[in-house]
PDB file of N, CA and C in Angstrom:
ATOM      1  N   MET A   1       5.014  -1.323  14.111  1.00  0.00           N
ATOM      2  CA  MET A   1       4.138  -1.398  15.273  1.00  0.00           C
ATOM      3  C   MET A   1       4.222  -0.068  16.027  1.00  0.00           C
ATOM      4  N   PRO A   2       3.094   0.567  16.306  1.00  0.00           N
ATOM      5  CA  PRO A   2       3.131   1.837  17.035  1.00  0.00           C
ATOM      6  C   PRO A   2       3.551   1.640  18.485  1.00  0.00           C
ATOM      7  N   ARG A   3       4.245   2.623  19.007  1.00  0.00           N
ATOM      8  CA  ARG A   3       4.650   2.582  20.412  1.00  0.00           C
ATOM      9  C   ARG A   3       3.491   3.012  21.289  1.00  0.00           C
ATOM     10  N   ARG A   4       3.382   2.367  22.424  1.00  0.00           N
ATOM     11  CA  ARG A   4       2.389   2.793  23.407  1.00  0.00           C
ATOM     12  C   ARG A   4       3.022   3.865  24.268  1.00  0.00           C
ATOM     13  N   ARG A   5       2.304   4.935  24.485  1.00  0.00           N
ATOM     14  CA  ARG A   5       2.810   6.005  25.331  1.00  0.00           C
ATOM     15  C   ARG A   5       2.520   5.668  26.780  1.00  0.00           C
ATOM     16  N   ALA A   6       3.522   5.829  27.593  1.00  0.00           N
ATOM     17  CA  ALA A   6       3.349   5.569  29.023  1.00  0.00           C
ATOM     18  C   ALA A   6       2.574   6.715  29.661  1.00  0.00           C
ATOM     19  N   ARG A   7       1.862   6.417  30.708  1.00  0.00           N
ATOM     20  CA  ARG A   7       1.119   7.410  31.486  1.00  0.00           C
ATOM     21  C   ARG A   7       1.988   7.812  32.666  1.00  0.00           C
ATOM     22  N   THR A   8       2.154   9.108  32.882  1.00  0.00           N
ATOM     23  CA  THR A   8       2.998   9.597  33.962  1.00  0.00           C
ATOM     24  C   THR A   8       2.158  10.323  34.996  1.00  0.00           C
ATOM     25  N   GLY A   9       2.496  10.094  36.254  1.00  0.00           N
ATOM     26  CA  GLY A   9       1.822  10.767  37.353  1.00  0.00           C
ATOM     27  C   GLY A   9       2.698  10.674  38.586  1.00  0.00           C
ATOM     28  N   HIS A  10       2.076  10.743  39.735  1.00  0.00           N
ATOM     29  CA  HIS A  10       2.811  10.639  40.995  1.00  0.00           C
ATOM     30  C   HIS A  10       2.189   9.547  41.842  1.00  0.00           C
ATOM     31  N   GLY A  11       3.035   8.865  42.585  1.00  0.00           N
ATOM     32  CA  GLY A  11       2.551   7.794  43.446  1.00  0.00           C
ATOM     33  C   GLY A  11       3.216   7.853  44.806  1.00  0.00           C
ATOM     34  N   ASP A  12       2.460   7.541  45.826  1.00  0.00           N
ATOM     35  CA  ASP A  12       2.966   7.492  47.194  1.00  0.00           C
ATOM     36  C   ASP A  12       3.379   6.053  47.479  1.00  0.00           C
ATOM     37  N   VAL A  13       4.668   5.855  47.695  1.00  0.00           N
ATOM     38  CA  VAL A  13       5.198   4.526  47.979  1.00  0.00           C
ATOM     39  C   VAL A  13       5.885   4.581  49.336  1.00  0.00           C
ATOM     40  N   LYS A  14       5.292   3.899  50.306  1.00  0.00           N
ATOM     41  CA  LYS A  14       5.826   3.867  51.674  1.00  0.00           C
ATOM     42  C   LYS A  14       6.071   5.270  52.224  1.00  0.00           C
ATOM     43  N   GLY A  15       5.116   6.169  51.979  1.00  0.00           N
ATOM     44  CA  GLY A  15       5.187   7.520  52.528  1.00  0.00           C
ATOM     45  C   GLY A  15       6.027   8.508  51.736  1.00  0.00           C
ATOM     46  N   GLU A  16       6.608   8.090  50.618  1.00  0.00           N
ATOM     47  CA  GLU A  16       7.412   8.975  49.783  1.00  0.00           C
ATOM     48  C   GLU A  16       6.711   9.190  48.449  1.00  0.00           C
ATOM     49  N   LEU A  17       6.718  10.443  47.965  1.00  0.00           N
ATOM     50  CA  LEU A  17       6.087  10.774  46.696  1.00  0.00           C
ATOM     51  C   LEU A  17       7.096  10.595  45.562  1.00  0.00           C
ATOM     52  N   TRP A  18       6.738   9.772  44.583  1.00  0.00           N
ATOM     53  CA  TRP A  18       7.595   9.462  43.443  1.00  0.00           C
ATOM     54  C   TRP A  18       6.899   9.843  42.142  1.00  0.00           C
ATOM     55  N   THR A  19       7.690  10.114  41.108  1.00  0.00           N
ATOM     56  CA  THR A  19       7.154  10.189  39.757  1.00  0.00           C
ATOM     57  C   THR A  19       6.962   8.751  39.314  1.00  0.00           C
ATOM     58  N   ALA A  20       5.773   8.449  38.822  1.00  0.00           N
ATOM     59  CA  ALA A  20       5.439   7.074  38.452  1.00  0.00           C
ATOM     60  C   ALA A  20       4.964   7.028  37.007  1.00  0.00           C
ATOM     61  N   ARG A  21       5.364   5.981  36.311  1.00  0.00           N
ATOM     62  CA  ARG A  21       4.984   5.800  34.909  1.00  0.00           C
ATOM     63  C   ARG A  21       4.358   4.422  34.754  1.00  0.00           C
ATOM     64  N   SER A  22       3.253   4.371  34.001  1.00  0.00           N
ATOM     65  CA  SER A  22       2.536   3.122  33.777  1.00  0.00           C
ATOM     66  C   SER A  22       2.142   3.021  32.315  1.00  0.00           C
ATOM     67  N   ARG A  23       2.080   1.811  31.801  1.00  0.00           N
ATOM     68  CA  ARG A  23       1.633   1.611  30.415  1.00  0.00           C
ATOM     69  C   ARG A  23       0.133   1.856  30.270  1.00  0.00           C
ATOM     70  N   ARG A  24      -0.595   1.689  31.351  1.00  0.00           N
ATOM     71  CA  ARG A  24      -2.052   1.881  31.317  1.00  0.00           C
ATOM     72  C   ARG A  24      -2.452   3.026  32.239  1.00  0.00           C
ATOM     73  N   ARG A  25      -3.550   3.651  31.914  1.00  0.00           N
ATOM     74  CA  ARG A  25      -4.071   4.730  32.754  1.00  0.00           C
ATOM     75  C   ARG A  25      -4.537   4.138  34.084  1.00  0.00           C
ATOM     76  N   LEU A  26      -4.130   4.770  35.185  1.00  0.00           N
ATOM     77  CA  LEU A  26      -4.533   4.348  36.520  1.00  0.00           C
ATOM     78  C   LEU A  26      -5.271   5.497  37.190  1.00  0.00           C
ATOM     79  N   GLU A  27      -6.391   5.194  37.788  1.00  0.00           N
ATOM     80  CA  GLU A  27      -7.162   6.208  38.495  1.00  0.00           C
ATOM     81  C   GLU A  27      -6.481   6.560  39.810  1.00  0.00           C
ATOM     82  N   SER A  28      -6.697   7.765  40.273  1.00  0.00           N
ATOM     83  CA  SER A  28      -6.165   8.199  41.563  1.00  0.00           C
ATOM     84  C   SER A  28      -6.644   7.257  42.659  1.00  0.00           C
ATOM     85  N   GLY A  29      -5.744   6.865  43.546  1.00  0.00           N
ATOM     86  CA  GLY A  29      -6.090   5.962  44.640  1.00  0.00           C
ATOM     87  C   GLY A  29      -5.902   4.491  44.325  1.00  0.00           C
ATOM     88  N   THR A  30      -5.529   4.165  43.080  1.00  0.00           N
ATOM     89  CA  THR A  30      -5.307   2.774  42.690  1.00  0.00           C
ATOM     90  C   THR A  30      -4.081   2.215  43.401  1.00  0.00           C
ATOM     91  N   GLU A  31      -4.194   1.023  43.969  1.00  0.00           N
ATOM     92  CA  GLU A  31      -3.043   0.353  44.581  1.00  0.00           C
ATOM     93  C   GLU A  31      -2.089  -0.046  43.464  1.00  0.00           C
ATOM     94  N   ILE A  32      -0.796   0.233  43.657  1.00  0.00           N
ATOM     95  CA  ILE A  32       0.199  -0.055  42.629  1.00  0.00           C
ATOM     96  C   ILE A  32       1.296  -0.977  43.148  1.00  0.00           C
ATOM     97  N   VAL A  33       1.999  -1.580  42.197  1.00  0.00           N
ATOM     98  CA  VAL A  33       3.179  -2.392  42.478  1.00  0.00           C
ATOM     99  C   VAL A  33       4.306  -1.808  41.632  1.00  0.00           C
ATOM    100  N   VAL A  34       5.455  -1.585  42.244  1.00  0.00           N
ATOM    101  CA  VAL A  34       6.619  -1.080  41.522  1.00  0.00           C
ATOM    102  C   VAL A  34       7.261  -2.248  40.775  1.00  0.00           C
ATOM    103  N   THR A  35       7.449  -2.082  39.465  1.00  0.00           N
ATOM    104  CA  THR A  35       8.057  -3.134  38.655  1.00  0.00           C
ATOM    105  C   THR A  35       9.501  -2.823  38.295  1.00  0.00           C
ATOM    106  N   GLN A  36       9.868  -1.530  38.378  1.00  0.00           N
ATOM    107  CA  GLN A  36      11.227  -1.136  38.015  1.00  0.00           C
ATOM    108  C   GLN A  36      11.481   0.275  38.526  1.00  0.00           C
ATOM    109  N   GLN A  37      12.736   0.584  38.834  1.00  0.00           N
ATOM    110  CA  GLN A  37      13.131   1.937  39.206  1.00  0.00           C
ATOM    111  C   GLN A  37      14.157   2.425  38.205  1.00  0.00           C
ATOM    112  N   ASP A  38      13.934   3.624  37.672  1.00  0.00           N
ATOM    113  CA  ASP A  38      14.863   4.239  36.728  1.00  0.00           C
ATOM    114  C   ASP A  38      15.222   5.611  37.281  1.00  0.00           C
ATOM    115  N   GLY A  39      16.309   5.685  38.038  1.00  0.00           N
ATOM    116  CA  GLY A  39      16.674   6.939  38.696  1.00  0.00           C
ATOM    117  C   GLY A  39      15.619   7.298  39.727  1.00  0.00           C
ATOM    118  N   LEU A  40      15.019   8.478  39.562  1.00  0.00           N
ATOM    119  CA  LEU A  40      13.984   8.931  40.492  1.00  0.00           C
ATOM    120  C   LEU A  40      12.578   8.669  39.969  1.00  0.00           C
ATOM    121  N   GLU A  41      12.454   7.827  38.966  1.00  0.00           N
ATOM    122  CA  GLU A  41      11.155   7.499  38.383  1.00  0.00           C
ATOM    123  C   GLU A  41      10.879   6.010  38.554  1.00  0.00           C
ATOM    124  N   LEU A  42       9.646   5.696  38.902  1.00  0.00           N
ATOM    125  CA  LEU A  42       9.241   4.303  39.087  1.00  0.00           C
ATOM    126  C   LEU A  42       8.358   3.852  37.938  1.00  0.00           C
ATOM    127  N   GLN A  43       8.557   2.629  37.489  1.00  0.00           N
ATOM    128  CA  GLN A  43       7.639   1.974  36.563  1.00  0.00           C
ATOM    129  C   GLN A  43       6.672   1.195  37.443  1.00  0.00           C
ATOM    130  N   VAL A  44       5.382   1.389  37.236  1.00  0.00           N
ATOM    131  CA  VAL A  44       4.393   0.751  38.096  1.00  0.00           C
ATOM    132  C   VAL A  44       3.299   0.088  37.272  1.00  0.00           C
ATOM    133  N   GLU A  45       2.552  -0.781  37.933  1.00  0.00           N
ATOM    134  CA  GLU A  45       1.355  -1.371  37.342  1.00  0.00           C
ATOM    135  C   GLU A  45       0.326  -1.535  38.455  1.00  0.00           C
ATOM    136  N   LYS A  46      -0.898  -1.732  38.061  1.00  0.00           N
ATOM    137  CA  LYS A  46      -1.967  -1.921  39.033  1.00  0.00           C
ATOM    138  C   LYS A  46      -1.720  -3.200  39.822  1.00  0.00           C
ATOM    139  N   ALA A  47      -1.873  -3.107  41.151  1.00  0.00           N
ATOM    140  CA  ALA A  47      -1.666  -4.274  42.012  1.00  0.00           C
ATOM    141  C   ALA A  47      -2.810  -5.258  41.842  1.00  0.00           C
ATOM    142  N   LYS A  48      -2.468  -6.529  41.858  1.00  0.00           N
ATOM    143  CA  LYS A  48      -3.498  -7.558  41.903  1.00  0.00           C
ATOM    144  C   LYS A  48      -4.012  -7.594  43.330  1.00  0.00           C
ATOM    145  N   ARG A  49      -5.176  -8.123  43.545  1.00  0.00           N
ATOM    146  CA  ARG A  49      -5.773  -8.130  44.889  1.00  0.00           C
ATOM    147  C   ARG A  49      -4.853  -8.717  45.947  1.00  0.00           C
ATOM    148  N   ASP A  50      -4.154  -9.813  45.643  1.00  0.00           N
ATOM    149  CA  ASP A  50      -3.299 -10.454  46.638  1.00  0.00           C
ATOM    150  C   ASP A  50      -1.972  -9.725  46.840  1.00  0.00           C
ATOM    151  N   GLU A  51      -1.622  -8.769  45.956  1.00  0.00           N
ATOM    152  CA  GLU A  51      -0.388  -8.003  46.085  1.00  0.00           C
ATOM    153  C   GLU A  51      -0.591  -6.705  46.852  1.00  0.00           C
ATOM    154  N   ALA A  52      -1.827  -6.222  46.909  1.00  0.00           N
ATOM    155  CA  ALA A  52      -2.108  -4.933  47.545  1.00  0.00           C
ATOM    156  C   ALA A  52      -1.764  -4.982  49.029  1.00  0.00           C
ATOM    157  N   LYS A  53      -1.135  -3.932  49.482  1.00  0.00           N
ATOM    158  CA  LYS A  53      -0.720  -3.724  50.883  1.00  0.00           C
ATOM    159  C   LYS A  53       0.200  -4.745  51.320  1.00  0.00           C
TER     160      LYS A  53
END
């Protein structure tokens, strides 16, 4: 089974800029939810409507 490559970028979480990694491509400005922290890198996914803000 081929591995999926994670997408890496930056995300603003509570006023702090983090390196963020997601399994899917996220457009700039997309609301995110942090699913895991690995050192100074966050694993994120797109927020569902009820999770945003």
